[in-house]
N, C-alpha and C. Protein backbone atom coordinates (compact mmCIF):
# COMPACT_ATOMS: atom_id res chain seq x y z
N UNK A 1 0.03 -18.96 -52.08
CA UNK A 1 -0.89 -18.89 -50.98
C UNK A 1 -0.18 -19.18 -49.66
N UNK A 2 0.78 -20.09 -49.68
CA UNK A 2 1.53 -20.39 -48.47
C UNK A 2 2.26 -19.17 -47.98
N UNK A 3 2.72 -18.37 -48.92
CA UNK A 3 3.43 -17.14 -48.55
C UNK A 3 2.50 -16.17 -47.85
N UNK A 4 1.28 -16.06 -48.29
CA UNK A 4 0.29 -15.19 -47.69
C UNK A 4 -0.02 -15.63 -46.26
N UNK A 5 -0.13 -16.94 -46.05
CA UNK A 5 -0.38 -17.47 -44.70
C UNK A 5 0.81 -17.17 -43.81
N UNK A 6 2.01 -17.35 -44.33
CA UNK A 6 3.21 -17.08 -43.56
C UNK A 6 3.28 -15.62 -43.17
N UNK A 7 2.96 -14.74 -44.09
CA UNK A 7 2.99 -13.31 -43.82
C UNK A 7 1.94 -12.95 -42.78
N UNK A 8 0.76 -13.52 -42.93
CA UNK A 8 -0.31 -13.27 -41.97
C UNK A 8 0.07 -13.82 -40.60
N UNK A 9 0.69 -14.98 -40.57
CA UNK A 9 1.13 -15.58 -39.33
C UNK A 9 2.20 -14.72 -38.67
N UNK A 10 3.09 -14.17 -39.47
CA UNK A 10 4.14 -13.30 -38.95
C UNK A 10 3.54 -12.03 -38.37
N UNK A 11 2.54 -11.50 -39.07
CA UNK A 11 1.86 -10.30 -38.60
C UNK A 11 1.13 -10.57 -37.29
N UNK A 12 0.48 -11.73 -37.20
CA UNK A 12 -0.22 -12.10 -35.97
C UNK A 12 0.76 -12.27 -34.82
N UNK A 13 1.91 -12.87 -35.10
CA UNK A 13 2.94 -13.05 -34.07
C UNK A 13 3.45 -11.71 -33.59
N UNK A 14 3.65 -10.78 -34.51
CA UNK A 14 4.12 -9.44 -34.13
C UNK A 14 3.10 -8.74 -33.27
N UNK A 15 1.82 -8.85 -33.63
CA UNK A 15 0.76 -8.23 -32.85
C UNK A 15 0.68 -8.84 -31.46
N UNK A 16 0.83 -10.15 -31.41
CA UNK A 16 0.79 -10.84 -30.12
C UNK A 16 1.96 -10.42 -29.24
N UNK A 17 3.15 -10.31 -29.84
CA UNK A 17 4.33 -9.88 -29.07
C UNK A 17 4.17 -8.45 -28.58
N UNK A 18 3.61 -7.59 -29.42
CA UNK A 18 3.39 -6.21 -29.02
C UNK A 18 2.38 -6.14 -27.87
N UNK A 19 1.30 -6.90 -27.98
CA UNK A 19 0.30 -6.92 -26.91
C UNK A 19 0.90 -7.46 -25.62
N UNK A 20 1.74 -8.47 -25.73
CA UNK A 20 2.40 -9.04 -24.55
C UNK A 20 3.35 -8.02 -23.92
N UNK A 21 4.09 -7.30 -24.74
CA UNK A 21 5.01 -6.29 -24.24
C UNK A 21 4.26 -5.17 -23.51
N UNK A 22 3.14 -4.75 -24.08
CA UNK A 22 2.33 -3.71 -23.44
C UNK A 22 1.78 -4.21 -22.11
N UNK A 23 1.30 -5.45 -22.07
CA UNK A 23 0.77 -6.03 -20.84
C UNK A 23 1.84 -6.12 -19.76
N UNK A 24 3.04 -6.53 -20.13
CA UNK A 24 4.14 -6.63 -19.16
C UNK A 24 4.51 -5.25 -18.64
N UNK A 25 4.56 -4.25 -19.52
CA UNK A 25 4.87 -2.88 -19.10
C UNK A 25 3.80 -2.36 -18.14
N UNK A 26 2.54 -2.62 -18.45
CA UNK A 26 1.44 -2.18 -17.58
C UNK A 26 1.52 -2.86 -16.22
N UNK A 27 1.83 -4.14 -16.23
CA UNK A 27 1.96 -4.88 -14.98
C UNK A 27 3.11 -4.34 -14.13
N UNK A 28 4.22 -4.01 -14.77
CA UNK A 28 5.36 -3.44 -14.06
C UNK A 28 4.98 -2.12 -13.41
N UNK A 29 4.29 -1.26 -14.17
CA UNK A 29 3.86 0.04 -13.62
C UNK A 29 2.88 -0.16 -12.48
N UNK A 30 1.96 -1.11 -12.63
CA UNK A 30 0.99 -1.38 -11.57
C UNK A 30 1.69 -1.87 -10.31
N UNK A 31 2.69 -2.72 -10.47
CA UNK A 31 3.43 -3.22 -9.31
C UNK A 31 4.18 -2.10 -8.61
N UNK A 32 4.72 -1.16 -9.38
CA UNK A 32 5.39 0.00 -8.78
C UNK A 32 4.40 0.82 -7.96
N UNK A 33 3.20 1.04 -8.51
CA UNK A 33 2.17 1.81 -7.80
C UNK A 33 1.73 1.07 -6.54
N UNK A 34 1.62 -0.23 -6.61
CA UNK A 34 1.23 -1.05 -5.46
C UNK A 34 2.26 -0.91 -4.36
N UNK A 35 3.53 -0.98 -4.71
CA UNK A 35 4.60 -0.85 -3.72
C UNK A 35 4.57 0.51 -3.06
N UNK A 36 4.37 1.56 -3.85
CA UNK A 36 4.31 2.92 -3.30
C UNK A 36 3.13 3.05 -2.35
N UNK A 37 1.98 2.52 -2.73
CA UNK A 37 0.79 2.60 -1.88
C UNK A 37 1.01 1.86 -0.56
N UNK A 38 1.56 0.67 -0.63
CA UNK A 38 1.82 -0.10 0.59
C UNK A 38 2.82 0.61 1.48
N UNK A 39 3.86 1.19 0.89
CA UNK A 39 4.85 1.92 1.66
C UNK A 39 4.22 3.13 2.35
N UNK A 40 3.34 3.82 1.66
CA UNK A 40 2.69 5.01 2.26
C UNK A 40 1.79 4.61 3.42
N UNK A 41 1.03 3.53 3.25
CA UNK A 41 0.16 3.07 4.34
C UNK A 41 1.01 2.70 5.56
N UNK A 42 2.10 2.00 5.33
CA UNK A 42 3.01 1.62 6.41
C UNK A 42 3.53 2.86 7.11
N UNK A 43 3.98 3.85 6.35
CA UNK A 43 4.54 5.08 6.92
C UNK A 43 3.51 5.84 7.75
N UNK A 44 2.28 5.92 7.26
CA UNK A 44 1.22 6.62 8.00
C UNK A 44 0.94 5.92 9.33
N UNK A 45 0.88 4.59 9.29
CA UNK A 45 0.66 3.85 10.54
C UNK A 45 1.81 4.03 11.52
N UNK A 46 3.03 4.05 11.02
CA UNK A 46 4.18 4.25 11.91
C UNK A 46 4.17 5.66 12.49
N UNK A 47 3.73 6.65 11.71
CA UNK A 47 3.59 8.01 12.25
C UNK A 47 2.55 8.04 13.38
N UNK A 48 1.44 7.34 13.16
CA UNK A 48 0.42 7.24 14.20
C UNK A 48 1.00 6.60 15.45
N UNK A 49 1.74 5.53 15.27
CA UNK A 49 2.35 4.80 16.38
C UNK A 49 3.30 5.68 17.19
N UNK A 50 4.17 6.41 16.50
CA UNK A 50 5.16 7.22 17.22
C UNK A 50 4.55 8.48 17.83
N UNK A 51 3.58 9.10 17.16
CA UNK A 51 3.03 10.35 17.68
C UNK A 51 2.00 10.16 18.78
N UNK A 52 1.55 8.94 19.00
CA UNK A 52 0.57 8.69 20.07
C UNK A 52 1.16 7.86 21.22
N UNK A 53 2.47 7.78 21.28
CA UNK A 53 3.13 7.15 22.41
C UNK A 53 3.37 5.66 22.29
N UNK A 54 3.05 5.07 21.16
CA UNK A 54 3.24 3.64 21.00
C UNK A 54 4.69 3.22 21.02
N UNK A 55 5.54 4.00 20.35
CA UNK A 55 6.96 3.65 20.29
C UNK A 55 7.66 3.86 21.63
N UNK A 56 7.07 4.68 22.48
CA UNK A 56 7.65 4.92 23.81
C UNK A 56 7.14 3.92 24.84
N UNK A 57 6.36 2.96 24.39
CA UNK A 57 5.85 1.95 25.31
C UNK A 57 4.58 2.34 26.03
N UNK A 58 3.92 3.39 25.57
CA UNK A 58 2.73 3.87 26.25
C UNK A 58 1.45 3.12 25.92
N UNK A 59 1.43 2.41 24.81
CA UNK A 59 0.22 1.67 24.44
C UNK A 59 0.07 0.43 25.31
N UNK A 60 -1.17 0.06 25.59
CA UNK A 60 -1.42 -1.18 26.34
C UNK A 60 -1.05 -2.40 25.50
N UNK A 61 -1.39 -2.36 24.21
CA UNK A 61 -1.13 -3.50 23.34
C UNK A 61 -0.63 -3.00 21.98
N UNK A 62 0.63 -3.23 21.70
CA UNK A 62 1.21 -2.81 20.42
C UNK A 62 1.72 -4.03 19.64
N UNK A 63 0.97 -5.12 19.72
CA UNK A 63 1.36 -6.36 19.06
C UNK A 63 1.66 -6.14 17.58
N UNK A 64 2.86 -6.50 17.20
CA UNK A 64 3.38 -6.45 15.83
C UNK A 64 3.65 -5.05 15.27
N UNK A 65 3.28 -4.00 15.97
CA UNK A 65 3.48 -2.65 15.44
C UNK A 65 4.97 -2.36 15.25
N UNK A 66 5.33 -2.06 14.00
CA UNK A 66 6.70 -1.73 13.67
C UNK A 66 7.65 -2.91 13.64
N UNK A 67 7.17 -4.09 14.03
CA UNK A 67 8.00 -5.29 14.06
C UNK A 67 7.73 -6.16 12.85
N UNK A 68 6.46 -6.47 12.63
CA UNK A 68 6.08 -7.30 11.48
C UNK A 68 6.01 -6.43 10.24
N UNK A 69 6.53 -6.94 9.14
CA UNK A 69 6.50 -6.20 7.88
C UNK A 69 5.07 -6.02 7.38
N UNK A 70 4.23 -7.03 7.57
CA UNK A 70 2.84 -6.97 7.12
C UNK A 70 2.01 -6.20 8.13
N UNK A 71 1.73 -4.95 7.84
CA UNK A 71 0.99 -4.12 8.78
C UNK A 71 -0.45 -4.59 8.99
N UNK A 72 -0.93 -5.46 8.15
CA UNK A 72 -2.28 -6.01 8.33
C UNK A 72 -2.33 -6.98 9.51
N UNK A 73 -1.18 -7.36 10.04
CA UNK A 73 -1.12 -8.22 11.23
C UNK A 73 -0.96 -7.41 12.50
N UNK A 74 -0.85 -6.10 12.39
CA UNK A 74 -0.66 -5.26 13.56
C UNK A 74 -1.97 -5.16 14.34
N UNK A 75 -1.87 -5.10 15.64
CA UNK A 75 -3.03 -5.01 16.52
C UNK A 75 -3.91 -3.83 16.11
N UNK A 76 -5.19 -4.12 15.85
CA UNK A 76 -6.16 -3.07 15.55
C UNK A 76 -6.28 -2.69 14.09
N UNK A 77 -5.50 -3.30 13.22
CA UNK A 77 -5.53 -2.96 11.79
C UNK A 77 -6.26 -4.06 11.03
N UNK A 78 -7.22 -3.64 10.22
CA UNK A 78 -7.95 -4.61 9.38
C UNK A 78 -7.77 -4.19 7.93
N UNK A 79 -7.40 -5.17 7.10
CA UNK A 79 -7.15 -4.91 5.68
C UNK A 79 -7.97 -5.84 4.81
N UNK A 80 -8.12 -5.44 3.57
CA UNK A 80 -8.63 -6.32 2.52
C UNK A 80 -7.58 -6.32 1.42
N UNK A 81 -7.57 -7.38 0.65
CA UNK A 81 -6.63 -7.46 -0.46
C UNK A 81 -7.29 -6.88 -1.70
N UNK A 82 -6.68 -5.89 -2.27
CA UNK A 82 -7.16 -5.24 -3.46
C UNK A 82 -6.47 -5.85 -4.66
N UNK A 83 -7.02 -5.70 -5.82
CA UNK A 83 -6.37 -6.20 -7.03
C UNK A 83 -5.21 -5.26 -7.31
N UNK A 84 -4.05 -5.67 -7.56
CA UNK A 84 -3.53 -7.01 -7.79
C UNK A 84 -2.87 -7.62 -6.56
N UNK A 85 -3.55 -7.62 -5.45
CA UNK A 85 -3.02 -8.24 -4.25
C UNK A 85 -2.41 -7.26 -3.27
N UNK A 86 -2.80 -6.02 -3.35
CA UNK A 86 -2.29 -4.99 -2.46
C UNK A 86 -3.14 -4.93 -1.20
N UNK A 87 -2.53 -4.95 -0.02
CA UNK A 87 -3.33 -4.79 1.18
C UNK A 87 -3.80 -3.34 1.31
N UNK A 88 -5.09 -3.17 1.57
CA UNK A 88 -5.67 -1.85 1.74
C UNK A 88 -6.31 -1.79 3.12
N UNK A 89 -5.91 -0.82 3.90
CA UNK A 89 -6.44 -0.66 5.26
C UNK A 89 -7.89 -0.21 5.16
N UNK A 90 -8.78 -0.93 5.83
CA UNK A 90 -10.19 -0.54 5.83
C UNK A 90 -10.68 -0.13 7.21
N UNK A 91 -9.90 -0.46 8.25
CA UNK A 91 -10.34 -0.15 9.59
C UNK A 91 -9.13 -0.09 10.54
N UNK A 92 -9.16 0.90 11.42
CA UNK A 92 -8.15 1.01 12.47
C UNK A 92 -8.92 1.16 13.78
N UNK A 93 -8.77 0.19 14.68
CA UNK A 93 -9.46 0.22 15.96
C UNK A 93 -8.42 0.08 17.07
N UNK A 94 -8.21 1.17 17.78
CA UNK A 94 -7.23 1.18 18.87
C UNK A 94 -7.89 1.70 20.15
N UNK A 95 -9.16 1.37 20.31
CA UNK A 95 -9.95 1.81 21.45
C UNK A 95 -9.36 1.28 22.75
N UNK A 96 -9.34 2.11 23.77
CA UNK A 96 -8.85 1.75 25.11
C UNK A 96 -7.42 1.21 25.07
N UNK A 97 -6.59 1.79 24.25
CA UNK A 97 -5.21 1.32 24.13
C UNK A 97 -4.20 2.34 24.64
N UNK A 98 -4.69 3.35 25.35
CA UNK A 98 -3.82 4.34 25.98
C UNK A 98 -3.04 5.19 24.97
N UNK A 99 -3.68 5.53 23.86
CA UNK A 99 -3.04 6.44 22.91
C UNK A 99 -2.95 7.81 23.56
N UNK A 100 -1.83 8.44 23.42
CA UNK A 100 -1.60 9.75 24.02
C UNK A 100 -1.52 10.80 22.92
N UNK A 101 -2.48 11.69 22.95
CA UNK A 101 -2.55 12.72 21.91
C UNK A 101 -2.23 14.06 22.53
N UNK A 102 -1.31 14.76 21.91
CA UNK A 102 -0.95 16.10 22.36
C UNK A 102 -1.70 17.11 21.51
N UNK A 103 -2.48 17.93 22.16
CA UNK A 103 -3.20 18.98 21.46
C UNK A 103 -2.40 20.25 21.59
N UNK A 104 -2.24 20.95 20.49
CA UNK A 104 -1.54 22.22 20.56
C UNK A 104 -2.51 23.34 20.23
N UNK A 105 -2.28 24.46 20.83
CA UNK A 105 -3.12 25.62 20.61
C UNK A 105 -2.44 26.51 19.58
N UNK A 106 -3.17 26.81 18.56
CA UNK A 106 -2.64 27.72 17.53
C UNK A 106 -3.17 29.10 17.83
N UNK A 107 -2.26 30.03 17.98
CA UNK A 107 -2.66 31.40 18.25
C UNK A 107 -2.45 32.24 17.01
N UNK A 108 -3.46 32.98 16.67
CA UNK A 108 -3.37 33.87 15.53
C UNK A 108 -3.26 35.30 16.05
N UNK A 109 -2.34 36.02 15.52
CA UNK A 109 -2.23 37.41 15.95
C UNK A 109 -3.05 38.27 15.02
N UNK A 110 -3.74 39.22 15.61
CA UNK A 110 -4.56 40.15 14.80
C UNK A 110 -3.64 41.21 14.22
N UNK A 111 -3.77 41.39 12.94
CA UNK A 111 -2.89 42.36 12.26
C UNK A 111 -3.45 43.73 12.26
């Protein structure tokens, strides 16, 4: 009977180790996705900053833009923390900040 308990215990340990390995792998993949998402949000905000004159000094207030790593501290950006701790932009307010937008006219030629 002791042998049966030992075998069952070994089987339980193997199952536990397998479950732990799967959980660690899932966590690693989730962390990779979190990093990619944060990087994309940062890149989009920096594109907004450069294309509207912020990087050229045209904005009235560009506090922390492009300087602080945490884009949730940038002037006009509001974030919430998503599971597993990823900052998610929920609001961008840059009203009366002298953003300069260039409109281009697209001309279509009639064939």
